[in-house]
Amino acid sequence: MNEEKLPPSDDAELHAYVDGRLPPRQRASVEARLRGDAEAARRVHEWSEQRELLRALHGSVLAEPVPAHLAQAAQQLHARGNRIARWQRWGGMAAAVLVAFGVGWASHGEWQARVAGGRAQPVTAFARQAVTAHVVYLPEVRHPVEVEAAQQQHLVQWLSKRLDRPLKIPNLAPAGYELVGGRLLPGDGGARAQFMFQNAAGERVTLYVGAIEGAKARGLEETAFRFASERGMSSFYWVDQGFGYALTGRLPRQGLLVLAESVHRQL
């Protein structure tokens, strides 16, 4: 007896399913499809894990009322459909969770810039985007990168061209981390590159790089190391010649600092 292959559920419907936004009948229909479509079920599982990771970063903040000015900003962001679509393309993440994560970051004092007058806001935003990108791709098994380490020369050439700056991938092998590969990502004011590294235990760190918008005008062409940590996710970030770098991972501060210093020396 030949079984009829179920038609794949489109991504928009799967996103809505992960977000819990489907009516009961449609949700039941999607669940029936998932039982017969292993690939779709795998994607839904990965997206659900990503969603929970982002919620875990700011669980207490998500339970608080959203300040009026932040709610207004979120509504404006939602109205810009092209940006929401861009976020959704980042590994299929639910747009509402990313907006909530952004609000959570902005609300949490530990992640705020300490420079008077908001001069460091672009750097803080850059670091926030780096952590968001890390959390989105951290659980990926089959597609953690666009270009694998085996094509490192092509990866460097491609991303250097897209970021309009010669890039170099640091060697973290002495610290036990091998290059997995990299990918191109969107960012405020221009393209971003993300390089992923992994150790023998499967622990991953990512290096996020890109130009800081308005760095020269704001006097941010060079900055010292800055550290941010929230619910086990940590990041060291800095600016060198107007270019931002952020190394992110689920590591203790000292362990991540050793890797960040190695990256800084090599770049």
C-alpha atoms as a PDB file:
ATOM      1  CA  MET A   1       0.000   0.000   0.000  1.00  0.00           C
ATOM      2  CA  ASN A   2       1.407   3.355  -1.043  1.00  0.00           C
ATOM      3  CA  GLU A   3       1.197   6.141   1.513  1.00  0.00           C
ATOM      4  CA  GLU A   4       0.320   9.591   0.263  1.00  0.00           C
ATOM      5  CA  LYS A   5       3.059  12.038   1.207  1.00  0.00           C
ATOM      6  CA  LEU A   6       1.667  14.948   3.171  1.00  0.00           C
ATOM      7  CA  PRO A   7       2.241  18.383   1.641  1.00  0.00           C
ATOM      8  CA  PRO A   8       4.844  20.389   3.605  1.00  0.00           C
ATOM      9  CA  SER A   9       3.458  23.107   5.825  1.00  0.00           C
ATOM     10  CA  ASP A  10       4.716  26.518   4.751  1.00  0.00           C
ATOM     11  CA  ASP A  11       7.118  28.375   7.014  1.00  0.00           C
ATOM     12  CA  ALA A  12       4.639  31.121   7.952  1.00  0.00           C
ATOM     13  CA  GLU A  13       2.218  28.518   9.309  1.00  0.00           C
ATOM     14  CA  LEU A  14       5.000  26.733  11.177  1.00  0.00           C
ATOM     15  CA  HIS A  15       6.160  30.030  12.723  1.00  0.00           C
ATOM     16  CA  ALA A  16       2.597  30.683  13.893  1.00  0.00           C
ATOM     17  CA  TYR A  17       2.438  27.167  15.323  1.00  0.00           C
ATOM     18  CA  VAL A  18       5.662  27.677  17.304  1.00  0.00           C
ATOM     19  CA  ASP A  19       4.321  31.009  18.589  1.00  0.00           C
ATOM     20  CA  GLY A  20       1.017  29.434  19.663  1.00  0.00           C
ATOM     21  CA  ARG A  21      -0.980  31.727  17.384  1.00  0.00           C
ATOM     22  CA  LEU A  22      -3.010  29.132  15.456  1.00  0.00           C
ATOM     23  CA  PRO A  23      -6.693  28.416  16.130  1.00  0.00           C
ATOM     24  CA  PRO A  24      -7.386  24.903  17.490  1.00  0.00           C
ATOM     25  CA  ARG A  25      -8.482  23.360  14.175  1.00  0.00           C
ATOM     26  CA  GLN A  26      -5.471  24.689  12.237  1.00  0.00           C
ATOM     27  CA  ARG A  27      -3.116  23.704  15.056  1.00  0.00           C
ATOM     28  CA  ALA A  28      -4.462  20.141  14.950  1.00  0.00           C
ATOM     29  CA  SER A  29      -3.963  20.101  11.190  1.00  0.00           C
ATOM     30  CA  VAL A  30      -0.326  21.210  11.538  1.00  0.00           C
ATOM     31  CA  GLU A  31       0.317  18.586  14.214  1.00  0.00           C
ATOM     32  CA  ALA A  32      -1.067  15.911  11.893  1.00  0.00           C
ATOM     33  CA  ARG A  33       1.276  17.115   9.163  1.00  0.00           C
ATOM     34  CA  LEU A  34       4.256  17.100  11.507  1.00  0.00           C
ATOM     35  CA  ARG A  35       3.631  13.461  12.372  1.00  0.00           C
ATOM     36  CA  GLY A  36       4.156  12.639   8.710  1.00  0.00           C
ATOM     37  CA  ASP A  37       6.911  15.123   7.867  1.00  0.00           C
ATOM     38  CA  ALA A  38      10.134  14.476   9.782  1.00  0.00           C
ATOM     39  CA  GLU A  39      11.950  17.460   8.251  1.00  0.00           C
ATOM     40  CA  ALA A  40       9.216  19.934   9.225  1.00  0.00           C
ATOM     41  CA  ALA A  41       9.059  18.395  12.704  1.00  0.00           C
ATOM     42  CA  ARG A  42      12.820  18.836  13.061  1.00  0.00           C
ATOM     43  CA  ARG A  43      12.591  22.528  12.083  1.00  0.00           C
ATOM     44  CA  VAL A  44       9.749  23.139  14.522  1.00  0.00           C
ATOM     45  CA  HIS A  45      11.753  21.471  17.300  1.00  0.00           C
ATOM     46  CA  GLU A  46      14.807  23.653  16.572  1.00  0.00           C
ATOM     47  CA  TRP A  47      12.742  26.850  16.421  1.00  0.00           C
ATOM     48  CA  SER A  48      11.014  25.962  19.693  1.00  0.00           C
ATOM     49  CA  GLU A  49      14.415  25.494  21.360  1.00  0.00           C
ATOM     50  CA  GLN A  50      15.601  28.847  19.996  1.00  0.00           C
ATOM     51  CA  ARG A  51      12.431  30.507  21.265  1.00  0.00           C
ATOM     52  CA  GLU A  52      12.928  29.109  24.759  1.00  0.00           C
ATOM     53  CA  LEU A  53      16.599  30.135  24.784  1.00  0.00           C
ATOM     54  CA  LEU A  54      15.646  33.729  24.018  1.00  0.00           C
ATOM     55  CA  ARG A  55      12.896  33.701  26.620  1.00  0.00           C
ATOM     56  CA  ALA A  56      15.271  32.279  29.215  1.00  0.00           C
ATOM     57  CA  LEU A  57      17.644  35.198  28.692  1.00  0.00           C
ATOM     58  CA  HIS A  58      15.030  37.687  29.902  1.00  0.00           C
ATOM     59  CA  GLY A  59      12.314  35.609  31.555  1.00  0.00           C
ATOM     60  CA  SER A  60      11.716  38.062  34.393  1.00  0.00           C
ATOM     61  CA  VAL A  61      11.582  41.049  32.042  1.00  0.00           C
ATOM     62  CA  LEU A  62       9.015  39.385  29.776  1.00  0.00           C
ATOM     63  CA  ALA A  63       6.635  39.150  32.738  1.00  0.00           C
ATOM     64  CA  GLU A  64       6.829  42.904  33.395  1.00  0.00           C
ATOM     65  CA  PRO A  65       4.574  45.511  31.771  1.00  0.00           C
ATOM     66  CA  VAL A  66       6.248  47.029  28.724  1.00  0.00           C
ATOM     67  CA  PRO A  67       7.032  50.737  29.212  1.00  0.00           C
ATOM     68  CA  ALA A  68       4.890  52.933  26.984  1.00  0.00           C
ATOM     69  CA  HIS A  69       7.807  54.330  24.965  1.00  0.00           C
ATOM     70  CA  LEU A  70       9.172  50.843  24.325  1.00  0.00           C
ATOM     71  CA  ALA A  71       5.737  49.525  23.345  1.00  0.00           C
ATOM     72  CA  GLN A  72       5.463  52.344  20.823  1.00  0.00           C
ATOM     73  CA  ALA A  73       8.904  51.500  19.424  1.00  0.00           C
ATOM     74  CA  ALA A  74       7.924  47.834  19.131  1.00  0.00           C
ATOM     75  CA  GLN A  75       4.753  48.786  17.235  1.00  0.00           C
ATOM     76  CA  GLN A  76       6.783  50.887  14.820  1.00  0.00           C
ATOM     77  CA  LEU A  77       9.164  47.985  14.321  1.00  0.00           C
ATOM     78  CA  HIS A  78       6.262  45.623  13.681  1.00  0.00           C
ATOM     79  CA  ALA A  79       4.898  48.004  11.064  1.00  0.00           C
ATOM     80  CA  ARG A  80       8.117  47.777   9.112  1.00  0.00           C
ATOM     81  CA  GLY A  81       7.354  44.471   7.471  1.00  0.00           C
ATOM     82  CA  ASN A  82      10.606  44.250   5.602  1.00  0.00           C
ATOM     83  CA  ARG A  83      12.637  44.241   8.819  1.00  0.00           C
ATOM     84  CA  ILE A  84      10.395  41.651  10.445  1.00  0.00           C
ATOM     85  CA  ALA A  85      10.815  39.462   7.377  1.00  0.00           C
ATOM     86  CA  ARG A  86      14.573  39.889   7.645  1.00  0.00           C
ATOM     87  CA  TRP A  87      14.547  38.673  11.258  1.00  0.00           C
ATOM     88  CA  GLN A  88      12.334  35.720  10.334  1.00  0.00           C
ATOM     89  CA  ARG A  89      14.879  34.633   7.764  1.00  0.00           C
ATOM     90  CA  TRP A  90      17.402  34.311  10.601  1.00  0.00           C
ATOM     91  CA  GLY A  91      16.898  30.621  11.142  1.00  0.00           C
ATOM     92  CA  GLY A  92      13.080  30.842  11.128  1.00  0.00           C
ATOM     93  CA  MET A  93      12.823  32.593  14.492  1.00  0.00           C
ATOM     94  CA  ALA A  94       9.433  33.931  15.540  1.00  0.00           C
ATOM     95  CA  ALA A  95       9.460  37.720  15.097  1.00  0.00           C
ATOM     96  CA  ALA A  96       7.525  38.368  18.298  1.00  0.00           C
ATOM     97  CA  VAL A  97      10.192  36.668  20.413  1.00  0.00           C
ATOM     98  CA  LEU A  98      12.961  38.737  18.843  1.00  0.00           C
ATOM     99  CA  VAL A  99      11.054  41.948  19.526  1.00  0.00           C
ATOM    100  CA  ALA A 100      10.535  40.835  23.133  1.00  0.00           C
ATOM    101  CA  PHE A 101      14.236  40.007  23.444  1.00  0.00           C
ATOM    102  CA  GLY A 102      15.151  43.461  22.126  1.00  0.00           C
ATOM    103  CA  VAL A 103      12.799  45.116  24.619  1.00  0.00           C
ATOM    104  CA  GLY A 104      14.241  42.962  27.392  1.00  0.00           C
ATOM    105  CA  TRP A 105      17.793  43.965  26.525  1.00  0.00           C
ATOM    106  CA  ALA A 106      16.894  47.648  26.404  1.00  0.00           C
ATOM    107  CA  SER A 107      15.147  47.357  29.779  1.00  0.00           C
ATOM    108  CA  HIS A 108      17.932  45.517  31.598  1.00  0.00           C
ATOM    109  CA  GLY A 109      20.492  47.785  33.226  1.00  0.00           C
ATOM    110  CA  GLU A 110      23.376  45.316  32.922  1.00  0.00           C
ATOM    111  CA  TRP A 111      23.340  45.664  29.140  1.00  0.00           C
ATOM    112  CA  GLN A 112      23.195  49.462  29.037  1.00  0.00           C
ATOM    113  CA  ALA A 113      26.073  51.648  27.927  1.00  0.00           C
ATOM    114  CA  ARG A 114      27.815  53.527  30.734  1.00  0.00           C
ATOM    115  CA  VAL A 115      28.942  56.433  28.554  1.00  0.00           C
ATOM    116  CA  ALA A 116      27.209  59.748  29.252  1.00  0.00           C
ATOM    117  CA  GLY A 117      24.833  61.132  26.662  1.00  0.00           C
ATOM    118  CA  GLY A 118      24.250  57.762  24.980  1.00  0.00           C
ATOM    119  CA  ARG A 119      27.459  58.061  22.969  1.00  0.00           C
ATOM    120  CA  ALA A 120      27.997  54.294  23.081  1.00  0.00           C
ATOM    121  CA  GLN A 121      24.484  53.298  21.992  1.00  0.00           C
ATOM    122  CA  PRO A 122      25.612  51.964  18.587  1.00  0.00           C
ATOM    123  CA  VAL A 123      28.153  49.716  20.309  1.00  0.00           C
ATOM    124  CA  THR A 124      25.547  48.450  22.771  1.00  0.00           C
ATOM    125  CA  ALA A 125      23.154  47.763  19.889  1.00  0.00           C
ATOM    126  CA  PHE A 126      25.917  45.925  18.050  1.00  0.00           C
ATOM    127  CA  ALA A 127      26.570  43.711  21.082  1.00  0.00           C
ATOM    128  CA  ARG A 128      22.855  43.014  21.455  1.00  0.00           C
ATOM    129  CA  GLN A 129      22.653  41.901  17.826  1.00  0.00           C
ATOM    130  CA  ALA A 130      25.691  39.669  18.332  1.00  0.00           C
ATOM    131  CA  VAL A 131      24.071  37.846  21.261  1.00  0.00           C
ATOM    132  CA  THR A 132      20.768  37.525  19.408  1.00  0.00           C
ATOM    133  CA  ALA A 133      22.552  35.981  16.412  1.00  0.00           C
ATOM    134  CA  HIS A 134      24.456  33.629  18.711  1.00  0.00           C
ATOM    135  CA  VAL A 135      21.283  32.419  20.431  1.00  0.00           C
ATOM    136  CA  VAL A 136      19.494  31.927  17.101  1.00  0.00           C
ATOM    137  CA  TYR A 137      22.193  29.713  15.595  1.00  0.00           C
ATOM    138  CA  LEU A 138      23.528  28.033  18.740  1.00  0.00           C
ATOM    139  CA  PRO A 139      21.140  25.020  18.575  1.00  0.00           C
ATOM    140  CA  GLU A 140      21.482  24.441  14.821  1.00  0.00           C
ATOM    141  CA  VAL A 141      22.753  20.954  13.995  1.00  0.00           C
ATOM    142  CA  ARG A 142      22.455  20.631  10.238  1.00  0.00           C
ATOM    143  CA  HIS A 143      22.874  24.269   9.179  1.00  0.00           C
ATOM    144  CA  PRO A 144      24.814  26.205  11.841  1.00  0.00           C
ATOM    145  CA  VAL A 145      26.750  28.082   9.104  1.00  0.00           C
ATOM    146  CA  GLU A 146      26.344  29.036   5.459  1.00  0.00           C
ATOM    147  CA  VAL A 147      29.907  28.220   4.439  1.00  0.00           C
ATOM    148  CA  GLU A 148      31.815  25.468   6.232  1.00  0.00           C
ATOM    149  CA  ALA A 149      35.406  25.585   7.451  1.00  0.00           C
ATOM    150  CA  ALA A 150      36.523  23.373   4.550  1.00  0.00           C
ATOM    151  CA  GLN A 151      35.931  26.412   2.309  1.00  0.00           C
ATOM    152  CA  GLN A 152      37.651  28.897   4.595  1.00  0.00           C
ATOM    153  CA  GLN A 153      39.407  30.812   1.803  1.00  0.00           C
ATOM    154  CA  HIS A 154      36.134  31.306  -0.061  1.00  0.00           C
ATOM    155  CA  LEU A 155      34.392  32.253   3.194  1.00  0.00           C
ATOM    156  CA  VAL A 156      36.931  34.990   3.973  1.00  0.00           C
ATOM    157  CA  GLN A 157      36.877  36.377   0.427  1.00  0.00           C
ATOM    158  CA  TRP A 158      33.090  36.403   0.270  1.00  0.00           C
ATOM    159  CA  LEU A 159      32.525  38.071   3.635  1.00  0.00           C
ATOM    160  CA  SER A 160      35.382  40.548   3.098  1.00  0.00           C
ATOM    161  CA  LYS A 161      33.696  41.658  -0.116  1.00  0.00           C
ATOM    162  CA  ARG A 162      30.275  41.954   1.475  1.00  0.00           C
ATOM    163  CA  LEU A 163      31.585  43.899   4.503  1.00  0.00           C
ATOM    164  CA  ASP A 164      33.935  45.951   2.313  1.00  0.00           C
ATOM    165  CA  ARG A 165      36.879  45.246   4.589  1.00  0.00           C
ATOM    166  CA  PRO A 166      39.632  42.601   4.602  1.00  0.00           C
ATOM    167  CA  LEU A 167      38.681  40.021   7.203  1.00  0.00           C
ATOM    168  CA  LYS A 168      40.761  37.447   9.013  1.00  0.00           C
ATOM    169  CA  ILE A 169      39.537  34.408  10.916  1.00  0.00           C
ATOM    170  CA  PRO A 170      41.389  33.944  14.212  1.00  0.00           C
ATOM    171  CA  ASN A 171      42.922  30.585  15.044  1.00  0.00           C
ATOM    172  CA  LEU A 172      41.425  29.347  18.310  1.00  0.00           C
ATOM    173  CA  ALA A 173      42.712  25.786  17.963  1.00  0.00           C
ATOM    174  CA  PRO A 174      45.329  26.286  20.725  1.00  0.00           C
ATOM    175  CA  ALA A 175      42.416  26.981  23.077  1.00  0.00           C
ATOM    176  CA  GLY A 176      40.577  23.894  21.845  1.00  0.00           C
ATOM    177  CA  TYR A 177      38.115  25.555  19.468  1.00  0.00           C
ATOM    178  CA  GLU A 178      37.984  24.654  15.782  1.00  0.00           C
ATOM    179  CA  LEU A 179      36.296  26.732  13.099  1.00  0.00           C
ATOM    180  CA  VAL A 180      32.861  25.422  12.077  1.00  0.00           C
ATOM    181  CA  GLY A 181      32.326  28.076   9.395  1.00  0.00           C
ATOM    182  CA  GLY A 182      30.569  31.381   8.977  1.00  0.00           C
ATOM    183  CA  ARG A 183      27.619  33.246   7.573  1.00  0.00           C
ATOM    184  CA  LEU A 184      26.467  36.665   6.379  1.00  0.00           C
ATOM    185  CA  LEU A 185      23.890  38.464   8.526  1.00  0.00           C
ATOM    186  CA  PRO A 186      22.007  41.775   8.375  1.00  0.00           C
ATOM    187  CA  GLY A 187      22.791  44.539  10.839  1.00  0.00           C
ATOM    188  CA  ASP A 188      22.019  48.160  11.578  1.00  0.00           C
ATOM    189  CA  GLY A 189      23.853  50.224   9.015  1.00  0.00           C
ATOM    190  CA  GLY A 190      25.328  47.340   7.034  1.00  0.00           C
ATOM    191  CA  ALA A 191      26.206  43.687   6.695  1.00  0.00           C
ATOM    192  CA  ARG A 192      27.602  41.582   9.524  1.00  0.00           C
ATOM    193  CA  ALA A 193      29.693  38.412   9.548  1.00  0.00           C
ATOM    194  CA  GLN A 194      29.414  35.624  12.099  1.00  0.00           C
ATOM    195  CA  PHE A 195      32.128  33.001  12.564  1.00  0.00           C
ATOM    196  CA  MET A 196      31.336  29.938  14.659  1.00  0.00           C
ATOM    197  CA  PHE A 197      33.835  27.839  16.616  1.00  0.00           C
ATOM    198  CA  GLN A 198      33.282  24.605  18.536  1.00  0.00           C
ATOM    199  CA  ASN A 199      35.327  22.545  20.980  1.00  0.00           C
ATOM    200  CA  ALA A 200      35.476  18.776  21.454  1.00  0.00           C
ATOM    201  CA  ALA A 201      32.670  18.927  24.019  1.00  0.00           C
ATOM    202  CA  GLY A 202      30.362  20.621  21.502  1.00  0.00           C
ATOM    203  CA  GLU A 203      30.519  24.029  23.220  1.00  0.00           C
ATOM    204  CA  ARG A 204      30.173  26.829  20.680  1.00  0.00           C
ATOM    205  CA  VAL A 205      31.317  30.433  20.594  1.00  0.00           C
ATOM    206  CA  THR A 206      30.682  32.948  17.841  1.00  0.00           C
ATOM    207  CA  LEU A 207      32.620  35.974  16.664  1.00  0.00           C
ATOM    208  CA  TYR A 208      30.349  38.694  15.264  1.00  0.00           C
ATOM    209  CA  VAL A 209      31.974  41.508  13.247  1.00  0.00           C
ATOM    210  CA  GLY A 210      30.907  44.591  11.341  1.00  0.00           C
ATOM    211  CA  ALA A 211      31.272  48.352  11.006  1.00  0.00           C
ATOM    212  CA  ILE A 212      29.820  50.510  13.800  1.00  0.00           C
ATOM    213  CA  GLU A 213      27.542  53.098  12.247  1.00  0.00           C
ATOM    214  CA  GLY A 214      28.674  56.635  13.020  1.00  0.00           C
ATOM    215  CA  ALA A 215      31.695  55.448  15.018  1.00  0.00           C
ATOM    216  CA  LYS A 216      33.982  58.276  13.915  1.00  0.00           C
ATOM    217  CA  ALA A 217      31.436  61.031  14.554  1.00  0.00           C
ATOM    218  CA  ARG A 218      30.747  59.636  18.038  1.00  0.00           C
ATOM    219  CA  GLY A 219      34.403  59.159  18.924  1.00  0.00           C
ATOM    220  CA  LEU A 220      34.013  55.390  19.024  1.00  0.00           C
ATOM    221  CA  GLU A 221      36.716  54.331  16.584  1.00  0.00           C
ATOM    222  CA  GLU A 222      38.508  52.562  19.438  1.00  0.00           C
ATOM    223  CA  THR A 223      37.060  51.166  22.672  1.00  0.00           C
ATOM    224  CA  ALA A 224      38.279  48.932  25.476  1.00  0.00           C
ATOM    225  CA  PHE A 225      36.855  45.482  26.126  1.00  0.00           C
ATOM    226  CA  ARG A 226      33.340  45.533  27.533  1.00  0.00           C
ATOM    227  CA  PHE A 227      31.636  42.570  29.152  1.00  0.00           C
ATOM    228  CA  ALA A 228      27.959  41.686  29.403  1.00  0.00           C
ATOM    229  CA  SER A 229      26.330  38.605  30.882  1.00  0.00           C
ATOM    230  CA  GLU A 230      22.750  37.490  31.264  1.00  0.00           C
ATOM    231  CA  ARG A 231      21.507  34.079  32.462  1.00  0.00           C
ATOM    232  CA  GLY A 232      24.667  32.253  31.488  1.00  0.00           C
ATOM    233  CA  MET A 233      25.130  33.899  28.084  1.00  0.00           C
ATOM    234  CA  SER A 234      28.200  36.149  28.035  1.00  0.00           C
ATOM    235  CA  SER A 235      29.862  38.443  25.535  1.00  0.00           C
ATOM    236  CA  PHE A 236      33.052  40.490  25.292  1.00  0.00           C
ATOM    237  CA  TYR A 237      32.807  43.245  22.710  1.00  0.00           C
ATOM    238  CA  TRP A 238      35.037  46.067  21.519  1.00  0.00           C
ATOM    239  CA  VAL A 239      35.701  48.465  18.624  1.00  0.00           C
ATOM    240  CA  ASP A 240      38.920  48.720  16.631  1.00  0.00           C
ATOM    241  CA  GLN A 241      39.295  51.319  13.856  1.00  0.00           C
ATOM    242  CA  GLY A 242      35.516  51.784  13.699  1.00  0.00           C
ATOM    243  CA  PHE A 243      34.896  48.048  13.331  1.00  0.00           C
ATOM    244  CA  GLY A 244      33.012  46.139  16.002  1.00  0.00           C
ATOM    245  CA  TYR A 245      33.855  42.693  17.354  1.00  0.00           C
ATOM    246  CA  ALA A 246      31.788  40.608  19.779  1.00  0.00           C
ATOM    247  CA  LEU A 247      32.732  37.161  21.069  1.00  0.00           C
ATOM    248  CA  THR A 248      29.770  35.380  22.616  1.00  0.00           C
ATOM    249  CA  GLY A 249      29.299  32.059  24.356  1.00  0.00           C
ATOM    250  CA  ARG A 250      27.909  30.209  27.325  1.00  0.00           C
ATOM    251  CA  LEU A 251      31.216  30.391  29.194  1.00  0.00           C
ATOM    252  CA  PRO A 252      32.455  31.797  32.511  1.00  0.00           C
ATOM    253  CA  ARG A 253      33.829  35.308  32.224  1.00  0.00           C
ATOM    254  CA  GLN A 254      37.487  34.311  32.601  1.00  0.00           C
ATOM    255  CA  GLY A 255      37.243  31.529  30.018  1.00  0.00           C
ATOM    256  CA  LEU A 256      35.612  33.825  27.497  1.00  0.00           C
ATOM    257  CA  LEU A 257      38.164  36.559  28.239  1.00  0.00           C
ATOM    258  CA  VAL A 258      41.034  34.225  27.323  1.00  0.00           C
ATOM    259  CA  LEU A 259      39.417  33.591  23.941  1.00  0.00           C
ATOM    260  CA  ALA A 260      38.583  37.280  23.408  1.00  0.00           C
ATOM    261  CA  GLU A 261      42.172  38.321  24.119  1.00  0.00           C
ATOM    262  CA  SER A 262      43.394  35.732  21.635  1.00  0.00           C
ATOM    263  CA  VAL A 263      41.007  37.070  18.999  1.00  0.00           C
ATOM    264  CA  HIS A 264      42.071  40.663  19.699  1.00  0.00           C
ATOM    265  CA  ARG A 265      45.769  39.833  19.367  1.00  0.00           C
ATOM    266  CA  GLN A 266      45.264  38.085  16.044  1.00  0.00           C
ATOM    267  CA  LEU A 267      42.999  40.689  14.470  1.00  0.00           C
END
